[in-house]
Amino acid sequence: SLLLRVCVSTLYAIHEPAYVVDSSARQQFGQLQHRTFPWYFNISIALSSGLLVLWNAGHPHVWANITNPKLADVAQAYALATIALSQLANQAIVGPLTSKFV
């Protein structure tokens, strides 16, 4: 029952934006996206960077073993850094290109 609810809500969350695009004008959706996505990316970058700083502060041995991603603590730092850098690249490169086309 719980698994079914999770699957249905995930499908709804994935497909809902398509209904928004179909039912509203393309220009209005572009304006909405242009206003909301910078906030989303800024919050995501700040949270993942903050978590990375907190993680490294709480696990000082991460810097000593930074070249050994097989350690769980180091792998977690790599994951958080990857998230922050990916969101930064998305905000700086992909976002402006998308806004130019929409």
PDB file of N, CA and C in Angstrom:
ATOM      1  N   SER A   1       0.830  -1.185   0.000  1.00  0.00           N
ATOM      2  CA  SER A   1       0.000   0.000   0.000  1.00  0.00           C
ATOM      3  C   SER A   1       0.880   1.256   0.000  1.00  0.00           C
ATOM      4  N   LEU A   2       1.891   1.281   0.864  1.00  0.00           N
ATOM      5  CA  LEU A   2       2.784   2.426   0.915  1.00  0.00           C
ATOM      6  C   LEU A   2       3.585   2.534  -0.391  1.00  0.00           C
ATOM      7  N   LEU A   3       4.064   1.397  -0.884  1.00  0.00           N
ATOM      8  CA  LEU A   3       4.822   1.394  -2.125  1.00  0.00           C
ATOM      9  C   LEU A   3       3.963   1.890  -3.286  1.00  0.00           C
ATOM     10  N   LEU A   4       2.724   1.487  -3.329  1.00  0.00           N
ATOM     11  CA  LEU A   4       1.822   1.942  -4.383  1.00  0.00           C
ATOM     12  C   LEU A   4       1.618   3.452  -4.310  1.00  0.00           C
ATOM     13  N   ARG A   5       1.429   3.987  -3.096  1.00  0.00           N
ATOM     14  CA  ARG A   5       1.250   5.433  -2.954  1.00  0.00           C
ATOM     15  C   ARG A   5       2.500   6.189  -3.391  1.00  0.00           C
ATOM     16  N   VAL A   6       3.683   5.661  -3.060  1.00  0.00           N
ATOM     17  CA  VAL A   6       4.928   6.309  -3.462  1.00  0.00           C
ATOM     18  C   VAL A   6       5.055   6.302  -4.981  1.00  0.00           C
ATOM     19  N   CYS A   7       4.749   5.176  -5.606  1.00  0.00           N
ATOM     20  CA  CYS A   7       4.833   5.083  -7.066  1.00  0.00           C
ATOM     21  C   CYS A   7       3.862   6.035  -7.748  1.00  0.00           C
ATOM     22  N   VAL A   8       2.643   6.080  -7.271  1.00  0.00           N
ATOM     23  CA  VAL A   8       1.634   6.953  -7.876  1.00  0.00           C
ATOM     24  C   VAL A   8       2.020   8.417  -7.692  1.00  0.00           C
ATOM     25  N   SER A   9       2.472   8.786  -6.507  1.00  0.00           N
ATOM     26  CA  SER A   9       2.850  10.187  -6.287  1.00  0.00           C
ATOM     27  C   SER A   9       4.076  10.564  -7.108  1.00  0.00           C
ATOM     28  N   THR A  10       5.006   9.629  -7.292  1.00  0.00           N
ATOM     29  CA  THR A  10       6.176   9.896  -8.124  1.00  0.00           C
ATOM     30  C   THR A  10       5.765  10.085  -9.575  1.00  0.00           C
ATOM     31  N   LEU A  11       4.897   9.231 -10.075  1.00  0.00           N
ATOM     32  CA  LEU A  11       4.427   9.379 -11.448  1.00  0.00           C
ATOM     33  C   LEU A  11       3.692  10.705 -11.631  1.00  0.00           C
ATOM     34  N   TYR A  12       2.894  11.091 -10.660  1.00  0.00           N
ATOM     35  CA  TYR A  12       2.172  12.346 -10.738  1.00  0.00           C
ATOM     36  C   TYR A  12       3.153  13.513 -10.766  1.00  0.00           C
ATOM     37  N   ALA A  13       4.186  13.459  -9.920  1.00  0.00           N
ATOM     38  CA  ALA A  13       5.159  14.542  -9.857  1.00  0.00           C
ATOM     39  C   ALA A  13       5.968  14.641 -11.140  1.00  0.00           C
ATOM     40  N   ILE A  14       6.230  13.507 -11.773  1.00  0.00           N
ATOM     41  CA  ILE A  14       7.004  13.522 -13.012  1.00  0.00           C
ATOM     42  C   ILE A  14       6.161  14.033 -14.177  1.00  0.00           C
ATOM     43  N   HIS A  15       4.913  13.618 -14.250  1.00  0.00           N
ATOM     44  CA  HIS A  15       4.090  13.955 -15.409  1.00  0.00           C
ATOM     45  C   HIS A  15       3.283  15.228 -15.239  1.00  0.00           C
ATOM     46  N   GLU A  16       3.172  15.754 -14.038  1.00  0.00           N
ATOM     47  CA  GLU A  16       2.385  16.962 -13.807  1.00  0.00           C
ATOM     48  C   GLU A  16       2.914  18.164 -14.598  1.00  0.00           C
ATOM     49  N   PRO A  17       4.242  18.402 -14.647  1.00  0.00           N
ATOM     50  CA  PRO A  17       4.709  19.551 -15.427  1.00  0.00           C
ATOM     51  C   PRO A  17       4.291  19.486 -16.899  1.00  0.00           C
ATOM     52  N   ALA A  18       4.161  18.282 -17.453  1.00  0.00           N
ATOM     53  CA  ALA A  18       3.717  18.165 -18.845  1.00  0.00           C
ATOM     54  C   ALA A  18       2.298  18.694 -19.003  1.00  0.00           C
ATOM     55  N   TYR A  19       1.444  18.447 -18.034  1.00  0.00           N
ATOM     56  CA  TYR A  19       0.081  18.972 -18.091  1.00  0.00           C
ATOM     57  C   TYR A  19       0.085  20.496 -17.967  1.00  0.00           C
ATOM     58  N   VAL A  20       0.992  21.019 -17.156  1.00  0.00           N
ATOM     59  CA  VAL A  20       1.084  22.465 -17.005  1.00  0.00           C
ATOM     60  C   VAL A  20       1.499  23.100 -18.327  1.00  0.00           C
ATOM     61  N   VAL A  21       2.478  22.489 -19.012  1.00  0.00           N
ATOM     62  CA  VAL A  21       2.946  23.030 -20.283  1.00  0.00           C
ATOM     63  C   VAL A  21       1.846  22.948 -21.326  1.00  0.00           C
ATOM     64  N   ASP A  22       1.098  21.835 -21.366  1.00  0.00           N
ATOM     65  CA  ASP A  22       0.048  21.676 -22.357  1.00  0.00           C
ATOM     66  C   ASP A  22      -1.101  22.646 -22.131  1.00  0.00           C
ATOM     67  N   SER A  23      -1.443  22.911 -20.875  1.00  0.00           N
ATOM     68  CA  SER A  23      -2.627  23.703 -20.591  1.00  0.00           C
ATOM     69  C   SER A  23      -2.351  25.200 -20.541  1.00  0.00           C
ATOM     70  N   SER A  24      -1.133  25.620 -20.403  1.00  0.00           N
ATOM     71  CA  SER A  24      -0.836  27.049 -20.350  1.00  0.00           C
ATOM     72  C   SER A  24      -0.025  27.452 -21.572  1.00  0.00           C
ATOM     73  N   ALA A  25       0.048  28.713 -21.781  1.00  0.00           N
ATOM     74  CA  ALA A  25       0.818  29.216 -22.920  1.00  0.00           C
ATOM     75  C   ALA A  25       2.300  28.995 -22.685  1.00  0.00           C
ATOM     76  N   ARG A  26       3.005  28.735 -23.743  1.00  0.00           N
ATOM     77  CA  ARG A  26       4.443  28.466 -23.658  1.00  0.00           C
ATOM     78  C   ARG A  26       5.185  29.660 -23.067  1.00  0.00           C
ATOM     79  N   GLN A  27       4.793  30.845 -23.439  1.00  0.00           N
ATOM     80  CA  GLN A  27       5.459  32.040 -22.941  1.00  0.00           C
ATOM     81  C   GLN A  27       5.250  32.206 -21.438  1.00  0.00           C
ATOM     82  N   GLN A  28       4.048  31.918 -20.955  1.00  0.00           N
ATOM     83  CA  GLN A  28       3.787  32.023 -19.525  1.00  0.00           C
ATOM     84  C   GLN A  28       4.605  30.997 -18.751  1.00  0.00           C
ATOM     85  N   PHE A  29       4.713  29.785 -19.283  1.00  0.00           N
ATOM     86  CA  PHE A  29       5.526  28.770 -18.612  1.00  0.00           C
ATOM     87  C   PHE A  29       6.990  29.189 -18.596  1.00  0.00           C
ATOM     88  N   GLY A  30       7.462  29.771 -19.673  1.00  0.00           N
ATOM     89  CA  GLY A  30       8.837  30.253 -19.722  1.00  0.00           C
ATOM     90  C   GLY A  30       9.101  31.332 -18.686  1.00  0.00           C
ATOM     91  N   GLN A  31       8.134  32.234 -18.501  1.00  0.00           N
ATOM     92  CA  GLN A  31       8.280  33.280 -17.487  1.00  0.00           C
ATOM     93  C   GLN A  31       8.286  32.689 -16.083  1.00  0.00           C
ATOM     94  N   LEU A  32       7.411  31.710 -15.852  1.00  0.00           N
ATOM     95  CA  LEU A  32       7.378  31.043 -14.553  1.00  0.00           C
ATOM     96  C   LEU A  32       8.697  30.334 -14.273  1.00  0.00           C
ATOM     97  N   GLN A  33       9.179  29.611 -15.254  1.00  0.00           N
ATOM     98  CA  GLN A  33      10.440  28.893 -15.104  1.00  0.00           C
ATOM     99  C   GLN A  33      11.591  29.866 -14.891  1.00  0.00           C
ATOM    100  N   HIS A  34      11.562  30.978 -15.610  1.00  0.00           N
ATOM    101  CA  HIS A  34      12.625  31.972 -15.512  1.00  0.00           C
ATOM    102  C   HIS A  34      12.693  32.560 -14.101  1.00  0.00           C
ATOM    103  N   ARG A  35      11.550  32.650 -13.416  1.00  0.00           N
ATOM    104  CA  ARG A  35      11.522  33.219 -12.068  1.00  0.00           C
ATOM    105  C   ARG A  35      11.789  32.183 -10.970  1.00  0.00           C
ATOM    106  N   THR A  36      11.348  30.955 -11.168  1.00  0.00           N
ATOM    107  CA  THR A  36      11.465  29.970 -10.089  1.00  0.00           C
ATOM    108  C   THR A  36      12.771  29.191 -10.110  1.00  0.00           C
ATOM    109  N   PHE A  37      13.313  28.892 -11.272  1.00  0.00           N
ATOM    110  CA  PHE A  37      14.509  28.055 -11.323  1.00  0.00           C
ATOM    111  C   PHE A  37      15.737  28.679 -10.673  1.00  0.00           C
ATOM    112  N   PRO A  38      15.985  29.981 -10.818  1.00  0.00           N
ATOM    113  CA  PRO A  38      17.146  30.535 -10.098  1.00  0.00           C
ATOM    114  C   PRO A  38      17.041  30.339  -8.584  1.00  0.00           C
ATOM    115  N   TRP A  39      15.867  30.497  -8.021  1.00  0.00           N
ATOM    116  CA  TRP A  39      15.680  30.251  -6.590  1.00  0.00           C
ATOM    117  C   TRP A  39      15.970  28.796  -6.261  1.00  0.00           C
ATOM    118  N   TYR A  40      15.432  27.900  -7.074  1.00  0.00           N
ATOM    119  CA  TYR A  40      15.646  26.468  -6.842  1.00  0.00           C
ATOM    120  C   TYR A  40      17.139  26.139  -6.869  1.00  0.00           C
ATOM    121  N   PHE A  41      17.850  26.626  -7.874  1.00  0.00           N
ATOM    122  CA  PHE A  41      19.266  26.304  -7.984  1.00  0.00           C
ATOM    123  C   PHE A  41      20.071  26.949  -6.861  1.00  0.00           C
ATOM    124  N   ASN A  42      19.760  28.187  -6.511  1.00  0.00           N
ATOM    125  CA  ASN A  42      20.485  28.840  -5.413  1.00  0.00           C
ATOM    126  C   ASN A  42      20.294  28.096  -4.102  1.00  0.00           C
ATOM    127  N   ILE A  43      19.072  27.691  -3.821  1.00  0.00           N
ATOM    128  CA  ILE A  43      18.807  26.951  -2.586  1.00  0.00           C
ATOM    129  C   ILE A  43      19.509  25.595  -2.609  1.00  0.00           C
ATOM    130  N   SER A  44      19.451  24.917  -3.743  1.00  0.00           N
ATOM    131  CA  SER A  44      20.091  23.608  -3.860  1.00  0.00           C
ATOM    132  C   SER A  44      21.606  23.705  -3.720  1.00  0.00           C
ATOM    133  N   ILE A  45      22.188  24.698  -4.339  1.00  0.00           N
ATOM    134  CA  ILE A  45      23.644  24.886  -4.245  1.00  0.00           C
ATOM    135  C   ILE A  45      24.038  25.222  -2.803  1.00  0.00           C
ATOM    136  N   ALA A  46      23.281  26.102  -2.170  1.00  0.00           N
ATOM    137  CA  ALA A  46      23.598  26.492  -0.792  1.00  0.00           C
ATOM    138  C   ALA A  46      23.463  25.313   0.164  1.00  0.00           C
ATOM    139  N   LEU A  47      22.391  24.535   0.025  1.00  0.00           N
ATOM    140  CA  LEU A  47      22.191  23.404   0.929  1.00  0.00           C
ATOM    141  C   LEU A  47      23.244  22.318   0.729  1.00  0.00           C
ATOM    142  N   SER A  48      23.532  21.968  -0.512  1.00  0.00           N
ATOM    143  CA  SER A  48      24.528  20.910  -0.734  1.00  0.00           C
ATOM    144  C   SER A  48      25.923  21.376  -0.342  1.00  0.00           C
ATOM    145  N   SER A  49      26.234  22.641  -0.571  1.00  0.00           N
ATOM    146  CA  SER A  49      27.542  23.159  -0.140  1.00  0.00           C
ATOM    147  C   SER A  49      27.632  23.209   1.381  1.00  0.00           C
ATOM    148  N   GLY A  50      26.539  23.648   2.015  1.00  0.00           N
ATOM    149  CA  GLY A  50      26.517  23.666   3.478  1.00  0.00           C
ATOM    150  C   GLY A  50      26.661  22.286   4.079  1.00  0.00           C
ATOM    151  N   LEU A  51      25.968  21.312   3.478  1.00  0.00           N
ATOM    152  CA  LEU A  51      26.101  19.936   3.961  1.00  0.00           C
ATOM    153  C   LEU A  51      27.519  19.412   3.763  1.00  0.00           C
ATOM    154  N   LEU A  52      28.150  19.785   2.652  1.00  0.00           N
ATOM    155  CA  LEU A  52      29.533  19.363   2.409  1.00  0.00           C
ATOM    156  C   LEU A  52      30.467  19.949   3.472  1.00  0.00           C
ATOM    157  N   VAL A  53      30.280  21.223   3.795  1.00  0.00           N
ATOM    158  CA  VAL A  53      31.112  21.856   4.832  1.00  0.00           C
ATOM    159  C   VAL A  53      30.881  21.187   6.184  1.00  0.00           C
ATOM    160  N   LEU A  54      29.614  20.959   6.515  1.00  0.00           N
ATOM    161  CA  LEU A  54      29.312  20.297   7.791  1.00  0.00           C
ATOM    162  C   LEU A  54      29.856  18.872   7.832  1.00  0.00           C
ATOM    163  N   TRP A  55      29.756  18.171   6.717  1.00  0.00           N
ATOM    164  CA  TRP A  55      30.253  16.802   6.664  1.00  0.00           C
ATOM    165  C   TRP A  55      31.762  16.773   6.880  1.00  0.00           C
ATOM    166  N   ASN A  56      32.476  17.675   6.200  1.00  0.00           N
ATOM    167  CA  ASN A  56      33.934  17.706   6.346  1.00  0.00           C
ATOM    168  C   ASN A  56      34.344  18.172   7.745  1.00  0.00           C
ATOM    169  N   ALA A  57      33.558  19.049   8.336  1.00  0.00           N
ATOM    170  CA  ALA A  57      33.868  19.494   9.704  1.00  0.00           C
ATOM    171  C   ALA A  57      33.658  18.359  10.702  1.00  0.00           C
ATOM    172  N   GLY A  58      32.660  17.549  10.475  1.00  0.00           N
ATOM    173  CA  GLY A  58      32.381  16.444  11.387  1.00  0.00           C
ATOM    174  C   GLY A  58      33.220  15.211  11.136  1.00  0.00           C
ATOM    175  N   HIS A  59      33.850  15.141   9.980  1.00  0.00           N
ATOM    176  CA  HIS A  59      34.696  14.000   9.618  1.00  0.00           C
ATOM    177  C   HIS A  59      36.039  14.524   9.114  1.00  0.00           C
ATOM    178  N   PRO A  60      36.927  14.945  10.023  1.00  0.00           N
ATOM    179  CA  PRO A  60      38.187  15.571   9.605  1.00  0.00           C
ATOM    180  C   PRO A  60      39.118  14.653   8.818  1.00  0.00           C
ATOM    181  N   HIS A  61      38.910  13.360   8.913  1.00  0.00           N
ATOM    182  CA  HIS A  61      39.781  12.436   8.186  1.00  0.00           C
ATOM    183  C   HIS A  61      39.457  12.381   6.688  1.00  0.00           C
ATOM    184  N   VAL A  62      38.406  13.070   6.259  1.00  0.00           N
ATOM    185  CA  VAL A  62      38.050  13.063   4.837  1.00  0.00           C
ATOM    186  C   VAL A  62      39.155  13.703   4.011  1.00  0.00           C
ATOM    187  N   TRP A  63      39.686  14.845   4.467  1.00  0.00           N
ATOM    188  CA  TRP A  63      40.739  15.519   3.697  1.00  0.00           C
ATOM    189  C   TRP A  63      42.018  14.701   3.641  1.00  0.00           C
ATOM    190  N   ALA A  64      42.305  13.944   4.690  1.00  0.00           N
ATOM    191  CA  ALA A  64      43.516  13.115   4.685  1.00  0.00           C
ATOM    192  C   ALA A  64      43.394  11.952   3.700  1.00  0.00           C
ATOM    193  N   ASN A  65      42.162  11.523   3.428  1.00  0.00           N
ATOM    194  CA  ASN A  65      41.922  10.383   2.547  1.00  0.00           C
ATOM    195  C   ASN A  65      41.161  10.778   1.280  1.00  0.00           C
ATOM    196  N   ILE A  66      41.294  12.024   0.842  1.00  0.00           N
ATOM    197  CA  ILE A  66      40.499  12.544  -0.264  1.00  0.00           C
ATOM    198  C   ILE A  66      40.716  11.768  -1.565  1.00  0.00           C
ATOM    199  N   THR A  67      41.860  11.116  -1.711  1.00  0.00           N
ATOM    200  CA  THR A  67      42.129  10.352  -2.934  1.00  0.00           C
ATOM    201  C   THR A  67      41.644   8.911  -2.839  1.00  0.00           C
ATOM    202  N   ASN A  68      40.971   8.556  -1.753  1.00  0.00           N
ATOM    203  CA  ASN A  68      40.481   7.198  -1.572  1.00  0.00           C
ATOM    204  C   ASN A  68      38.944   7.202  -1.480  1.00  0.00           C
ATOM    205  N   PRO A  69      38.255   7.271  -2.623  1.00  0.00           N
ATOM    206  CA  PRO A  69      36.792   7.357  -2.589  1.00  0.00           C
ATOM    207  C   PRO A  69      36.104   6.056  -2.187  1.00  0.00           C
ATOM    208  N   LYS A  70      36.876   5.001  -1.932  1.00  0.00           N
ATOM    209  CA  LYS A  70      36.266   3.752  -1.474  1.00  0.00           C
ATOM    210  C   LYS A  70      35.833   3.830  -0.008  1.00  0.00           C
ATOM    211  N   LEU A  71      36.378   4.784   0.732  1.00  0.00           N
ATOM    212  CA  LEU A  71      35.935   5.001   2.107  1.00  0.00           C
ATOM    213  C   LEU A  71      34.567   5.689   2.071  1.00  0.00           C
ATOM    214  N   ALA A  72      33.660   5.238   2.909  1.00  0.00           N
ATOM    215  CA  ALA A  72      32.284   5.740   2.887  1.00  0.00           C
ATOM    216  C   ALA A  72      32.214   7.247   3.158  1.00  0.00           C
ATOM    217  N   ASP A  73      32.991   7.733   4.102  1.00  0.00           N
ATOM    218  CA  ASP A  73      32.954   9.160   4.431  1.00  0.00           C
ATOM    219  C   ASP A  73      33.455  10.015   3.263  1.00  0.00           C
ATOM    220  N   VAL A  74      34.476   9.532   2.590  1.00  0.00           N
ATOM    221  CA  VAL A  74      35.013  10.254   1.437  1.00  0.00           C
ATOM    222  C   VAL A  74      34.026  10.179   0.270  1.00  0.00           C
ATOM    223  N   ALA A  75      33.404   9.038   0.083  1.00  0.00           N
ATOM    224  CA  ALA A  75      32.412   8.895  -0.993  1.00  0.00           C
ATOM    225  C   ALA A  75      31.238   9.842  -0.766  1.00  0.00           C
ATOM    226  N   GLN A  76      30.839  10.022   0.482  1.00  0.00           N
ATOM    227  CA  GLN A  76      29.756  10.964   0.788  1.00  0.00           C
ATOM    228  C   GLN A  76      30.171  12.387   0.435  1.00  0.00           C
ATOM    229  N   ALA A  77      31.410  12.750   0.723  1.00  0.00           N
ATOM    230  CA  ALA A  77      31.900  14.084   0.376  1.00  0.00           C
ATOM    231  C   ALA A  77      31.924  14.260  -1.139  1.00  0.00           C
ATOM    232  N   TYR A  78      32.345  13.218  -1.868  1.00  0.00           N
ATOM    233  CA  TYR A  78      32.329  13.269  -3.325  1.00  0.00           C
ATOM    234  C   TYR A  78      30.905  13.454  -3.844  1.00  0.00           C
ATOM    235  N   ALA A  79      29.943  12.755  -3.259  1.00  0.00           N
ATOM    236  CA  ALA A  79      28.547  12.863  -3.704  1.00  0.00           C
ATOM    237  C   ALA A  79      28.023  14.281  -3.482  1.00  0.00           C
ATOM    238  N   LEU A  80      28.275  14.844  -2.318  1.00  0.00           N
ATOM    239  CA  LEU A  80      27.806  16.200  -2.038  1.00  0.00           C
ATOM    240  C   LEU A  80      28.482  17.224  -2.952  1.00  0.00           C
ATOM    241  N   ALA A  81      29.777  17.051  -3.201  1.00  0.00           N
ATOM    242  CA  ALA A  81      30.480  17.969  -4.099  1.00  0.00           C
ATOM    243  C   ALA A  81      29.956  17.850  -5.526  1.00  0.00           C
ATOM    244  N   THR A  82      29.649  16.626  -5.954  1.00  0.00           N
ATOM    245  CA  THR A  82      29.108  16.418  -7.296  1.00  0.00           C
ATOM    246  C   THR A  82      27.753  17.096  -7.447  1.00  0.00           C
ATOM    247  N   ILE A  83      26.916  16.995  -6.431  1.00  0.00           N
ATOM    248  CA  ILE A  83      25.602  17.648  -6.462  1.00  0.00           C
ATOM    249  C   ILE A  83      25.767  19.158  -6.567  1.00  0.00           C
ATOM    250  N   ALA A  84      26.612  19.726  -5.725  1.00  0.00           N
ATOM    251  CA  ALA A  84      26.806  21.178  -5.734  1.00  0.00           C
ATOM    252  C   ALA A  84      27.358  21.659  -7.074  1.00  0.00           C
ATOM    253  N   LEU A  85      28.357  20.966  -7.602  1.00  0.00           N
ATOM    254  CA  LEU A  85      28.948  21.378  -8.882  1.00  0.00           C
ATOM    255  C   LEU A  85      27.987  21.185 -10.045  1.00  0.00           C
ATOM    256  N   SER A  86      27.216  20.110 -10.018  1.00  0.00           N
ATOM    257  CA  SER A  86      26.245  19.876 -11.089  1.00  0.00           C
ATOM    258  C   SER A  86      25.153  20.948 -11.091  1.00  0.00           C
ATOM    259  N   GLN A  87      24.678  21.310  -9.923  1.00  0.00           N
ATOM    260  CA  GLN A  87      23.655  22.353  -9.840  1.00  0.00           C
ATOM    261  C   GLN A  87      24.228  23.708 -10.259  1.00  0.00           C
ATOM    262  N   LEU A  88      25.474  23.967  -9.898  1.00  0.00           N
ATOM    263  CA  LEU A  88      26.113  25.212 -10.300  1.00  0.00           C
ATOM    264  C   LEU A  88      26.263  25.273 -11.822  1.00  0.00           C
ATOM    265  N   ALA A  89      26.695  24.167 -12.428  1.00  0.00           N
ATOM    266  CA  ALA A  89      26.817  24.125 -13.892  1.00  0.00           C
ATOM    267  C   ALA A  89      25.450  24.259 -14.553  1.00  0.00           C
ATOM    268  N   ASN A  90      24.451  23.636 -13.959  1.00  0.00           N
ATOM    269  CA  ASN A  90      23.105  23.726 -14.508  1.00  0.00           C
ATOM    270  C   ASN A  90      22.596  25.161 -14.449  1.00  0.00           C
ATOM    271  N   GLN A  91      22.859  25.843 -13.345  1.00  0.00           N
ATOM    272  CA  GLN A  91      22.411  27.221 -13.209  1.00  0.00           C
ATOM    273  C   GLN A  91      23.188  28.157 -14.142  1.00  0.00           C
ATOM    274  N   ALA A  92      24.487  27.947 -14.263  1.00  0.00           N
ATOM    275  CA  ALA A  92      25.326  28.865 -15.022  1.00  0.00           C
ATOM    276  C   ALA A  92      25.294  28.615 -16.527  1.00  0.00           C
ATOM    277  N   ILE A  93      25.091  27.362 -16.946  1.00  0.00           N
ATOM    278  CA  ILE A  93      25.194  27.039 -18.373  1.00  0.00           C
ATOM    279  C   ILE A  93      23.852  26.631 -18.964  1.00  0.00           C
ATOM    280  N   VAL A  94      23.245  25.598 -18.406  1.00  0.00           N
ATOM    281  CA  VAL A  94      22.023  25.041 -18.989  1.00  0.00           C
ATOM    282  C   VAL A  94      20.841  25.992 -18.812  1.00  0.00           C
ATOM    283  N   GLY A  95      20.716  26.600 -17.642  1.00  0.00           N
ATOM    284  CA  GLY A  95      19.606  27.511 -17.384  1.00  0.00           C
ATOM    285  C   GLY A  95      19.518  28.660 -18.373  1.00  0.00           C
ATOM    286  N   PRO A  96      20.602  29.420 -18.584  1.00  0.00           N
ATOM    287  CA  PRO A  96      20.533  30.506 -19.549  1.00  0.00           C
ATOM    288  C   PRO A  96      20.269  30.026 -20.983  1.00  0.00           C
ATOM    289  N   LEU A  97      20.823  28.882 -21.353  1.00  0.00           N
ATOM    290  CA  LEU A  97      20.554  28.359 -22.703  1.00  0.00           C
ATOM    291  C   LEU A  97      19.088  27.985 -22.862  1.00  0.00           C
ATOM    292  N   THR A  98      18.503  27.395 -21.822  1.00  0.00           N
ATOM    293  CA  THR A  98      17.097  27.027 -21.862  1.00  0.00           C
ATOM    294  C   THR A  98      16.223  28.268 -21.936  1.00  0.00           C
ATOM    295  N   SER A  99      16.559  29.285 -21.162  1.00  0.00           N
ATOM    296  CA  SER A  99      15.760  30.516 -21.179  1.00  0.00           C
ATOM    297  C   SER A  99      15.819  31.206 -22.535  1.00  0.00           C
ATOM    298  N   LYS A 100      16.944  31.038 -23.222  1.00  0.00           N
ATOM    299  CA  LYS A 100      17.074  31.661 -24.542  1.00  0.00           C
ATOM    300  C   LYS A 100      16.135  31.009 -25.554  1.00  0.00           C
ATOM    301  N   PHE A 101      15.887  29.704 -25.409  1.00  0.00           N
ATOM    302  CA  PHE A 101      15.053  29.001 -26.358  1.00  0.00           C
ATOM    303  C   PHE A 101      13.574  29.039 -26.022  1.00  0.00           C
ATOM    304  N   VAL A 102      13.232  29.256 -24.740  1.00  0.00           N
ATOM    305  CA  VAL A 102      11.811  29.222 -24.342  1.00  0.00           C
ATOM    306  C   VAL A 102      11.157  30.559 -24.542  1.00  0.00           C
TER     307      VAL A 102
END
